[in-house]
Structure formats: structure tokens, C-alpha cells
Amino acid sequence: MTSTKDDEDFLRLDRQICFSLNAASRAFGGVYRTLLKDLNLTYPQYLVMLALWEAPKDEGLAVKRLGERLRLDSGTLSPLLKRLEANGLVRRERSARDERSVTVTLTDAGAELKKAAAEVPRRIGKATGFELSEIEDLRERLNRLTEALDRSALS
């Protein structure tokens, strides 16, 4: 099989969606690292806190459910939770109904941190230079892309 000019152009690094997504992700990581420094959180810890801030305060989330929401396996999630617990932001407790299940709840300090974190999305939006409608459209497209890739991986 011979290679055509179109094949060569298609294989250029700057034409790869995976490269563009990875580059954007790394750039976001740098901005988040700067913004989250004042909150004493890493980006993965911030994601955990976002999920917990959405959960009913007194109920928290089961670790399994938290991992599903964040698309993280327990090997990645457990050390994050241990660090957040050591920093006094969350509490991990075995379920009284099922000892195999561990529930994560916010401490008062973890709940209070939400106020300080409220500025992060605004500053991220400003850093992109995008209008809110553009950000929402991009997020929707990325969600559709993720769903399509998940379905494709299952085939």
C-alpha cells in the first residue's frame, strides 16, 4: 500500500485531536495548579471536593460512587482521599449497613472551603477568553465525544 499526500497530512501531529485535547488538558492543569495553590488543593483533590460539595451534606458519597463520578479507580482515589482526610477536609467511614462500603463526607472545614473555591470557575472562564456560551458548547461537545469513545471502547 502506498502512502498518499492526504495520508501524510492526516498523520501530522497538529491534525490529531488527541494531541489537541492533551495539550489543552496540560494547559488547564497549569492554570488550575496556580488557582488551587491558595486552596491547598491539587486538581484531582479539587475534583473530589466538587463532587462532595454536590452531595447531600450529611450523606456524603460512597467511595465507589465517587470513583464512578470522577472516572477514577480506587488505586488513584484512595490516596487522594487519605490526603484530604489528613488535611481535615473529609471524613471516611465504613457503612454500618455494609462494612465493605466506605462513605466520604465533608468536615466543617471541607464544607467551608467551598466559599473560597467559588472564584475558581470564574477565573478559569476568564483565562480561556471564551464567552460562557462557548464554554458550555465546548463542554457539551466534549461530553458527547467522551460518550462516543466510551461506546466505541465497549464494542
N, C-alpha and C. Protein backbone atom coordinates (compact mmCIF):
# COMPACT_ATOMS: atom_id res chain seq x y z
N MET A 1 0.83 -1.18 0.00
CA MET A 1 0.00 0.00 0.00
C MET A 1 0.88 1.25 0.00
N THR A 2 0.59 2.15 -0.87
CA THR A 2 1.39 3.37 -0.97
C THR A 2 0.74 4.49 -0.18
N SER A 3 1.56 5.33 0.34
CA SER A 3 1.09 6.47 1.12
C SER A 3 0.82 7.64 0.19
N THR A 4 -0.30 8.29 0.43
CA THR A 4 -0.63 9.46 -0.38
C THR A 4 -0.35 10.74 0.42
N LYS A 5 -0.38 11.85 -0.29
CA LYS A 5 -0.17 13.15 0.35
C LYS A 5 -1.24 13.38 1.42
N ASP A 6 -2.51 12.98 1.14
CA ASP A 6 -3.59 13.13 2.12
C ASP A 6 -3.31 12.33 3.38
N ASP A 7 -2.77 11.10 3.20
CA ASP A 7 -2.43 10.28 4.36
C ASP A 7 -1.37 10.96 5.21
N GLU A 8 -0.37 11.51 4.56
CA GLU A 8 0.71 12.18 5.28
C GLU A 8 0.19 13.41 6.01
N ASP A 9 -0.67 14.19 5.36
CA ASP A 9 -1.25 15.36 6.02
C ASP A 9 -2.10 14.95 7.21
N PHE A 10 -2.86 13.88 7.03
CA PHE A 10 -3.73 13.41 8.11
C PHE A 10 -2.92 12.93 9.31
N LEU A 11 -1.70 12.48 9.07
CA LEU A 11 -0.85 11.98 10.15
C LEU A 11 0.03 13.07 10.78
N ARG A 12 -0.17 14.30 10.40
CA ARG A 12 0.58 15.39 11.01
C ARG A 12 0.14 15.54 12.47
N LEU A 13 1.09 15.82 13.33
CA LEU A 13 0.81 15.99 14.76
C LEU A 13 -0.25 17.06 15.00
N ASP A 14 -0.15 18.17 14.31
CA ASP A 14 -1.09 19.26 14.55
C ASP A 14 -2.50 18.97 14.01
N ARG A 15 -2.72 17.85 13.37
CA ARG A 15 -4.05 17.46 12.90
C ARG A 15 -4.70 16.43 13.81
N GLN A 16 -4.02 16.03 14.87
CA GLN A 16 -4.51 14.97 15.76
C GLN A 16 -5.35 15.57 16.89
N ILE A 17 -6.61 15.13 16.97
CA ILE A 17 -7.49 15.62 18.04
C ILE A 17 -6.96 15.19 19.41
N CYS A 18 -6.38 14.00 19.49
CA CYS A 18 -5.85 13.54 20.77
C CYS A 18 -4.73 14.46 21.27
N PHE A 19 -3.91 14.96 20.34
CA PHE A 19 -2.84 15.86 20.74
C PHE A 19 -3.41 17.20 21.21
N SER A 20 -4.40 17.72 20.49
CA SER A 20 -5.02 18.98 20.87
C SER A 20 -5.68 18.88 22.24
N LEU A 21 -6.38 17.76 22.48
CA LEU A 21 -7.02 17.56 23.79
C LEU A 21 -5.98 17.43 24.89
N ASN A 22 -4.91 16.72 24.63
CA ASN A 22 -3.85 16.56 25.63
C ASN A 22 -3.17 17.89 25.92
N ALA A 23 -2.90 18.67 24.87
CA ALA A 23 -2.26 19.97 25.06
C ALA A 23 -3.17 20.90 25.88
N ALA A 24 -4.46 20.90 25.55
CA ALA A 24 -5.42 21.73 26.30
C ALA A 24 -5.50 21.28 27.75
N SER A 25 -5.49 19.97 27.97
CA SER A 25 -5.56 19.44 29.32
C SER A 25 -4.33 19.86 30.14
N ARG A 26 -3.17 19.79 29.52
CA ARG A 26 -1.95 20.20 30.22
C ARG A 26 -1.98 21.70 30.52
N ALA A 27 -2.47 22.49 29.58
CA ALA A 27 -2.56 23.94 29.80
C ALA A 27 -3.54 24.25 30.92
N PHE A 28 -4.69 23.55 30.92
CA PHE A 28 -5.65 23.71 32.02
C PHE A 28 -5.00 23.34 33.35
N GLY A 29 -4.23 22.26 33.33
CA GLY A 29 -3.56 21.82 34.55
C GLY A 29 -2.67 22.90 35.14
N GLY A 30 -1.96 23.61 34.27
CA GLY A 30 -1.09 24.70 34.74
C GLY A 30 -1.89 25.84 35.36
N VAL A 31 -3.00 26.20 34.74
CA VAL A 31 -3.84 27.27 35.28
C VAL A 31 -4.46 26.84 36.60
N TYR A 32 -4.99 25.62 36.62
CA TYR A 32 -5.59 25.12 37.86
C TYR A 32 -4.56 25.03 38.99
N ARG A 33 -3.35 24.58 38.66
CA ARG A 33 -2.32 24.47 39.69
C ARG A 33 -2.11 25.82 40.37
N THR A 34 -2.06 26.89 39.58
CA THR A 34 -1.88 28.23 40.12
C THR A 34 -3.08 28.66 40.97
N LEU A 35 -4.30 28.45 40.43
CA LEU A 35 -5.51 28.88 41.14
C LEU A 35 -5.76 28.08 42.41
N LEU A 36 -5.43 26.80 42.39
CA LEU A 36 -5.73 25.94 43.54
C LEU A 36 -4.67 26.00 44.63
N LYS A 37 -3.55 26.63 44.33
CA LYS A 37 -2.48 26.74 45.31
C LYS A 37 -2.97 27.40 46.60
N ASP A 38 -3.76 28.47 46.45
CA ASP A 38 -4.28 29.18 47.63
C ASP A 38 -5.26 28.33 48.43
N LEU A 39 -5.90 27.36 47.77
CA LEU A 39 -6.83 26.47 48.48
C LEU A 39 -6.13 25.25 49.06
N ASN A 40 -4.83 25.13 48.77
CA ASN A 40 -4.04 23.99 49.21
C ASN A 40 -4.62 22.67 48.67
N LEU A 41 -5.06 22.71 47.39
CA LEU A 41 -5.61 21.52 46.74
C LEU A 41 -4.88 21.26 45.44
N THR A 42 -4.75 19.99 45.10
CA THR A 42 -4.31 19.63 43.76
C THR A 42 -5.56 19.56 42.88
N TYR A 43 -5.38 19.49 41.58
CA TYR A 43 -6.53 19.41 40.69
C TYR A 43 -7.38 18.17 40.97
N PRO A 44 -6.79 16.98 41.12
CA PRO A 44 -7.63 15.81 41.44
C PRO A 44 -8.36 15.96 42.78
N GLN A 45 -7.72 16.56 43.76
CA GLN A 45 -8.39 16.81 45.05
C GLN A 45 -9.55 17.78 44.87
N TYR A 46 -9.36 18.78 44.03
CA TYR A 46 -10.42 19.75 43.74
C TYR A 46 -11.63 19.04 43.13
N LEU A 47 -11.39 18.10 42.21
CA LEU A 47 -12.49 17.35 41.61
C LEU A 47 -13.26 16.56 42.66
N VAL A 48 -12.54 15.94 43.60
CA VAL A 48 -13.19 15.22 44.69
C VAL A 48 -14.07 16.17 45.49
N MET A 49 -13.51 17.33 45.82
CA MET A 49 -14.28 18.30 46.60
C MET A 49 -15.51 18.78 45.84
N LEU A 50 -15.39 19.02 44.54
CA LEU A 50 -16.55 19.42 43.74
C LEU A 50 -17.66 18.39 43.85
N ALA A 51 -17.30 17.12 43.71
CA ALA A 51 -18.30 16.06 43.78
C ALA A 51 -18.93 16.00 45.17
N LEU A 52 -18.14 16.18 46.20
CA LEU A 52 -18.67 16.14 47.57
C LEU A 52 -19.52 17.38 47.88
N TRP A 53 -19.17 18.53 47.34
CA TRP A 53 -19.98 19.73 47.56
C TRP A 53 -21.37 19.58 46.94
N GLU A 54 -21.50 18.74 45.91
CA GLU A 54 -22.80 18.49 45.28
C GLU A 54 -23.64 17.49 46.07
N ALA A 55 -22.99 16.65 46.85
CA ALA A 55 -23.69 15.58 47.59
C ALA A 55 -24.43 16.17 48.79
N PRO A 56 -25.52 15.50 49.21
CA PRO A 56 -26.19 15.94 50.45
C PRO A 56 -25.18 15.96 51.60
N LYS A 57 -25.10 17.06 52.32
CA LYS A 57 -24.05 17.28 53.33
C LYS A 57 -23.91 16.14 54.33
N ASP A 58 -25.00 15.67 54.88
CA ASP A 58 -24.92 14.64 55.92
C ASP A 58 -24.75 13.23 55.36
N GLU A 59 -25.00 13.06 54.06
CA GLU A 59 -24.91 11.72 53.48
C GLU A 59 -23.55 11.42 52.87
N GLY A 60 -22.93 12.41 52.24
CA GLY A 60 -21.67 12.19 51.56
C GLY A 60 -21.85 11.28 50.36
N LEU A 61 -20.76 10.63 49.95
CA LEU A 61 -20.78 9.72 48.82
C LEU A 61 -20.00 8.47 49.15
N ALA A 62 -20.49 7.34 48.67
CA ALA A 62 -19.73 6.10 48.78
C ALA A 62 -18.49 6.24 47.90
N VAL A 63 -17.38 5.70 48.34
CA VAL A 63 -16.13 5.77 47.57
C VAL A 63 -16.35 5.21 46.17
N LYS A 64 -17.09 4.12 46.07
CA LYS A 64 -17.34 3.52 44.76
C LYS A 64 -18.06 4.50 43.85
N ARG A 65 -19.08 5.16 44.36
CA ARG A 65 -19.85 6.14 43.57
C ARG A 65 -18.98 7.34 43.21
N LEU A 66 -18.16 7.78 44.15
CA LEU A 66 -17.25 8.90 43.91
C LEU A 66 -16.29 8.55 42.77
N GLY A 67 -15.73 7.35 42.80
CA GLY A 67 -14.84 6.90 41.73
C GLY A 67 -15.53 6.87 40.38
N GLU A 68 -16.79 6.43 40.36
CA GLU A 68 -17.55 6.41 39.11
C GLU A 68 -17.76 7.82 38.59
N ARG A 69 -18.15 8.72 39.46
CA ARG A 69 -18.40 10.11 39.05
C ARG A 69 -17.14 10.77 38.49
N LEU A 70 -16.00 10.47 39.11
CA LEU A 70 -14.75 11.11 38.73
C LEU A 70 -13.96 10.32 37.69
N ARG A 71 -14.46 9.12 37.37
CA ARG A 71 -13.77 8.24 36.42
C ARG A 71 -12.36 7.89 36.92
N LEU A 72 -12.29 7.61 38.23
CA LEU A 72 -11.02 7.23 38.86
C LEU A 72 -11.15 5.86 39.49
N ASP A 73 -10.09 5.06 39.39
CA ASP A 73 -10.11 3.76 40.05
C ASP A 73 -9.72 3.93 41.52
N SER A 74 -9.99 2.91 42.32
CA SER A 74 -9.75 3.02 43.76
C SER A 74 -8.27 3.21 44.09
N GLY A 75 -7.39 2.69 43.24
CA GLY A 75 -5.96 2.86 43.47
C GLY A 75 -5.51 4.31 43.35
N THR A 76 -6.22 5.08 42.56
CA THR A 76 -5.93 6.51 42.42
C THR A 76 -6.70 7.32 43.45
N LEU A 77 -7.95 6.92 43.68
CA LEU A 77 -8.83 7.68 44.57
C LEU A 77 -8.43 7.56 46.04
N SER A 78 -8.06 6.39 46.48
CA SER A 78 -7.75 6.18 47.91
C SER A 78 -6.66 7.11 48.44
N PRO A 79 -5.52 7.25 47.74
CA PRO A 79 -4.51 8.19 48.25
C PRO A 79 -5.00 9.64 48.27
N LEU A 80 -5.83 10.03 47.29
CA LEU A 80 -6.40 11.37 47.29
C LEU A 80 -7.24 11.60 48.54
N LEU A 81 -8.08 10.63 48.84
CA LEU A 81 -8.97 10.74 50.00
C LEU A 81 -8.17 10.75 51.30
N LYS A 82 -7.11 9.96 51.37
CA LYS A 82 -6.27 9.95 52.58
C LYS A 82 -5.65 11.32 52.81
N ARG A 83 -5.18 11.95 51.72
CA ARG A 83 -4.57 13.29 51.88
C ARG A 83 -5.61 14.33 52.28
N LEU A 84 -6.79 14.24 51.67
CA LEU A 84 -7.86 15.19 52.04
C LEU A 84 -8.28 14.99 53.49
N GLU A 85 -8.30 13.73 53.93
CA GLU A 85 -8.66 13.44 55.32
C GLU A 85 -7.57 13.95 56.26
N ALA A 86 -6.31 13.75 55.89
CA ALA A 86 -5.20 14.24 56.72
C ALA A 86 -5.21 15.77 56.82
N ASN A 87 -5.72 16.42 55.78
CA ASN A 87 -5.82 17.89 55.78
C ASN A 87 -7.10 18.38 56.45
N GLY A 88 -7.89 17.45 56.98
CA GLY A 88 -9.08 17.83 57.74
C GLY A 88 -10.28 18.26 56.90
N LEU A 89 -10.30 17.89 55.61
CA LEU A 89 -11.38 18.33 54.73
C LEU A 89 -12.49 17.29 54.57
N VAL A 90 -12.15 16.02 54.73
CA VAL A 90 -13.14 14.96 54.59
C VAL A 90 -12.98 13.94 55.71
N ARG A 91 -14.01 13.12 55.84
CA ARG A 91 -14.01 12.02 56.79
C ARG A 91 -14.40 10.76 56.02
N ARG A 92 -13.71 9.67 56.25
CA ARG A 92 -14.06 8.38 55.64
C ARG A 92 -14.55 7.46 56.73
N GLU A 93 -15.71 6.85 56.48
CA GLU A 93 -16.28 5.94 57.48
C GLU A 93 -16.89 4.73 56.79
N ARG A 94 -16.69 3.58 57.41
CA ARG A 94 -17.32 2.36 56.89
C ARG A 94 -18.82 2.45 57.12
N SER A 95 -19.56 1.96 56.16
CA SER A 95 -21.02 1.96 56.26
C SER A 95 -21.45 0.97 57.34
N ALA A 96 -22.41 1.37 58.15
CA ALA A 96 -22.94 0.48 59.18
C ALA A 96 -23.74 -0.65 58.53
N ARG A 97 -24.35 -0.36 57.37
CA ARG A 97 -25.16 -1.36 56.67
C ARG A 97 -24.31 -2.37 55.90
N ASP A 98 -23.17 -1.90 55.35
CA ASP A 98 -22.31 -2.76 54.54
C ASP A 98 -20.86 -2.38 54.81
N GLU A 99 -20.17 -3.20 55.60
CA GLU A 99 -18.80 -2.86 56.00
C GLU A 99 -17.82 -2.79 54.85
N ARG A 100 -18.19 -3.34 53.69
CA ARG A 100 -17.31 -3.25 52.52
C ARG A 100 -17.35 -1.86 51.91
N SER A 101 -18.39 -1.11 52.21
CA SER A 101 -18.57 0.22 51.63
C SER A 101 -18.04 1.30 52.56
N VAL A 102 -17.31 2.24 51.98
CA VAL A 102 -16.79 3.38 52.72
C VAL A 102 -17.46 4.64 52.18
N THR A 103 -17.94 5.46 53.09
CA THR A 103 -18.59 6.72 52.71
C THR A 103 -17.68 7.88 53.06
N VAL A 104 -17.63 8.85 52.16
CA VAL A 104 -16.81 10.05 52.36
C VAL A 104 -17.76 11.22 52.57
N THR A 105 -17.55 11.94 53.66
CA THR A 105 -18.34 13.14 53.95
C THR A 105 -17.40 14.31 54.18
N LEU A 106 -17.94 15.48 53.99
CA LEU A 106 -17.17 16.70 54.24
C LEU A 106 -17.11 16.99 55.73
N THR A 107 -16.00 17.50 56.18
CA THR A 107 -15.91 18.06 57.52
C THR A 107 -16.42 19.50 57.41
N ASP A 108 -16.54 20.17 58.54
CA ASP A 108 -16.93 21.58 58.50
C ASP A 108 -15.93 22.40 57.69
N ALA A 109 -14.64 22.08 57.85
CA ALA A 109 -13.60 22.80 57.10
C ALA A 109 -13.74 22.53 55.60
N GLY A 110 -14.07 21.31 55.23
CA GLY A 110 -14.28 20.97 53.82
C GLY A 110 -15.47 21.69 53.23
N ALA A 111 -16.54 21.77 53.99
CA ALA A 111 -17.73 22.48 53.53
C ALA A 111 -17.44 23.98 53.42
N GLU A 112 -16.69 24.51 54.35
CA GLU A 112 -16.34 25.93 54.36
C GLU A 112 -15.45 26.31 53.17
N LEU A 113 -14.62 25.39 52.74
CA LEU A 113 -13.70 25.65 51.63
C LEU A 113 -14.44 25.98 50.33
N LYS A 114 -15.68 25.54 50.24
CA LYS A 114 -16.49 25.81 49.04
C LYS A 114 -16.59 27.30 48.76
N LYS A 115 -16.70 28.10 49.80
CA LYS A 115 -16.80 29.56 49.63
C LYS A 115 -15.55 30.12 48.94
N ALA A 116 -14.40 29.67 49.39
CA ALA A 116 -13.15 30.15 48.80
C ALA A 116 -12.97 29.63 47.37
N ALA A 117 -13.51 28.46 47.08
CA ALA A 117 -13.37 27.86 45.75
C ALA A 117 -14.31 28.47 44.72
N ALA A 118 -15.30 29.24 45.16
CA ALA A 118 -16.30 29.78 44.25
C ALA A 118 -15.70 30.64 43.14
N GLU A 119 -14.57 31.22 43.39
CA GLU A 119 -13.94 32.09 42.41
C GLU A 119 -13.20 31.32 41.31
N VAL A 120 -12.88 30.06 41.57
CA VAL A 120 -12.08 29.28 40.62
C VAL A 120 -12.74 29.18 39.25
N PRO A 121 -14.00 28.76 39.12
CA PRO A 121 -14.60 28.66 37.78
C PRO A 121 -14.62 30.00 37.03
N ARG A 122 -14.86 31.09 37.75
CA ARG A 122 -14.85 32.40 37.10
C ARG A 122 -13.47 32.73 36.53
N ARG A 123 -12.46 32.42 37.31
CA ARG A 123 -11.10 32.72 36.86
C ARG A 123 -10.67 31.80 35.72
N ILE A 124 -11.16 30.57 35.73
CA ILE A 124 -10.88 29.65 34.62
C ILE A 124 -11.55 30.18 33.35
N GLY A 125 -12.81 30.60 33.49
CA GLY A 125 -13.51 31.16 32.35
C GLY A 125 -12.79 32.35 31.77
N LYS A 126 -12.30 33.21 32.64
CA LYS A 126 -11.56 34.39 32.20
C LYS A 126 -10.26 33.99 31.49
N ALA A 127 -9.59 32.96 32.02
CA ALA A 127 -8.33 32.50 31.43
C ALA A 127 -8.53 31.97 30.01
N THR A 128 -9.70 31.39 29.73
CA THR A 128 -9.93 30.84 28.39
C THR A 128 -10.17 31.95 27.37
N GLY A 129 -10.69 33.08 27.81
CA GLY A 129 -11.05 34.13 26.87
C GLY A 129 -12.33 33.83 26.11
N PHE A 130 -13.02 32.75 26.49
CA PHE A 130 -14.25 32.35 25.83
C PHE A 130 -15.45 33.00 26.50
N GLU A 131 -16.50 33.18 25.73
CA GLU A 131 -17.79 33.57 26.28
C GLU A 131 -18.39 32.36 26.98
N LEU A 132 -19.29 32.59 27.92
CA LEU A 132 -19.94 31.50 28.64
C LEU A 132 -20.61 30.52 27.68
N SER A 133 -21.25 31.03 26.65
CA SER A 133 -21.93 30.15 25.68
C SER A 133 -20.92 29.26 24.95
N GLU A 134 -19.73 29.79 24.68
CA GLU A 134 -18.69 28.99 24.02
C GLU A 134 -18.18 27.89 24.94
N ILE A 135 -18.03 28.22 26.22
CA ILE A 135 -17.58 27.22 27.19
C ILE A 135 -18.63 26.12 27.33
N GLU A 136 -19.89 26.50 27.42
CA GLU A 136 -20.95 25.50 27.54
C GLU A 136 -21.02 24.62 26.30
N ASP A 137 -20.86 25.21 25.12
CA ASP A 137 -20.87 24.43 23.88
C ASP A 137 -19.69 23.46 23.84
N LEU A 138 -18.51 23.93 24.21
CA LEU A 138 -17.32 23.08 24.22
C LEU A 138 -17.50 21.92 25.20
N ARG A 139 -18.01 22.23 26.39
CA ARG A 139 -18.23 21.18 27.39
C ARG A 139 -19.20 20.13 26.87
N GLU A 140 -20.28 20.57 26.23
CA GLU A 140 -21.25 19.64 25.66
C GLU A 140 -20.63 18.77 24.58
N ARG A 141 -19.84 19.37 23.73
CA ARG A 141 -19.16 18.61 22.67
C ARG A 141 -18.18 17.59 23.26
N LEU A 142 -17.45 18.01 24.28
CA LEU A 142 -16.51 17.08 24.92
C LEU A 142 -17.26 15.95 25.62
N ASN A 143 -18.40 16.24 26.23
CA ASN A 143 -19.20 15.18 26.85
C ASN A 143 -19.68 14.19 25.79
N ARG A 144 -20.13 14.71 24.64
CA ARG A 144 -20.57 13.82 23.56
C ARG A 144 -19.40 12.99 23.03
N LEU A 145 -18.24 13.61 22.93
CA LEU A 145 -17.05 12.88 22.48
C LEU A 145 -16.71 11.76 23.45
N THR A 146 -16.75 12.07 24.75
CA THR A 146 -16.45 11.06 25.77
C THR A 146 -17.44 9.90 25.69
N GLU A 147 -18.72 10.22 25.57
CA GLU A 147 -19.74 9.17 25.45
C GLU A 147 -19.52 8.31 24.23
N ALA A 148 -19.19 8.92 23.09
CA ALA A 148 -18.94 8.18 21.86
C ALA A 148 -17.73 7.26 22.02
N LEU A 149 -16.68 7.78 22.63
CA LEU A 149 -15.48 6.97 22.83
C LEU A 149 -15.73 5.83 23.81
N ASP A 150 -16.52 6.10 24.87
CA ASP A 150 -16.87 5.04 25.81
C ASP A 150 -17.63 3.93 25.09
N ARG A 151 -18.60 4.31 24.24
CA ARG A 151 -19.36 3.31 23.49
C ARG A 151 -18.44 2.54 22.54
N SER A 152 -17.54 3.25 21.91
CA SER A 152 -16.62 2.63 20.95
C SER A 152 -15.69 1.64 21.66
N ALA A 153 -15.24 2.00 22.86
CA ALA A 153 -14.35 1.12 23.62
C ALA A 153 -15.07 -0.15 24.05
N LEU A 154 -16.38 -0.06 24.20
CA LEU A 154 -17.16 -1.22 24.62
C LEU A 154 -17.45 -2.17 23.47
N SER A 155 -17.33 -1.70 22.23
CA SER A 155 -17.63 -2.56 21.07
C SER A 155 -16.53 -3.53 20.78
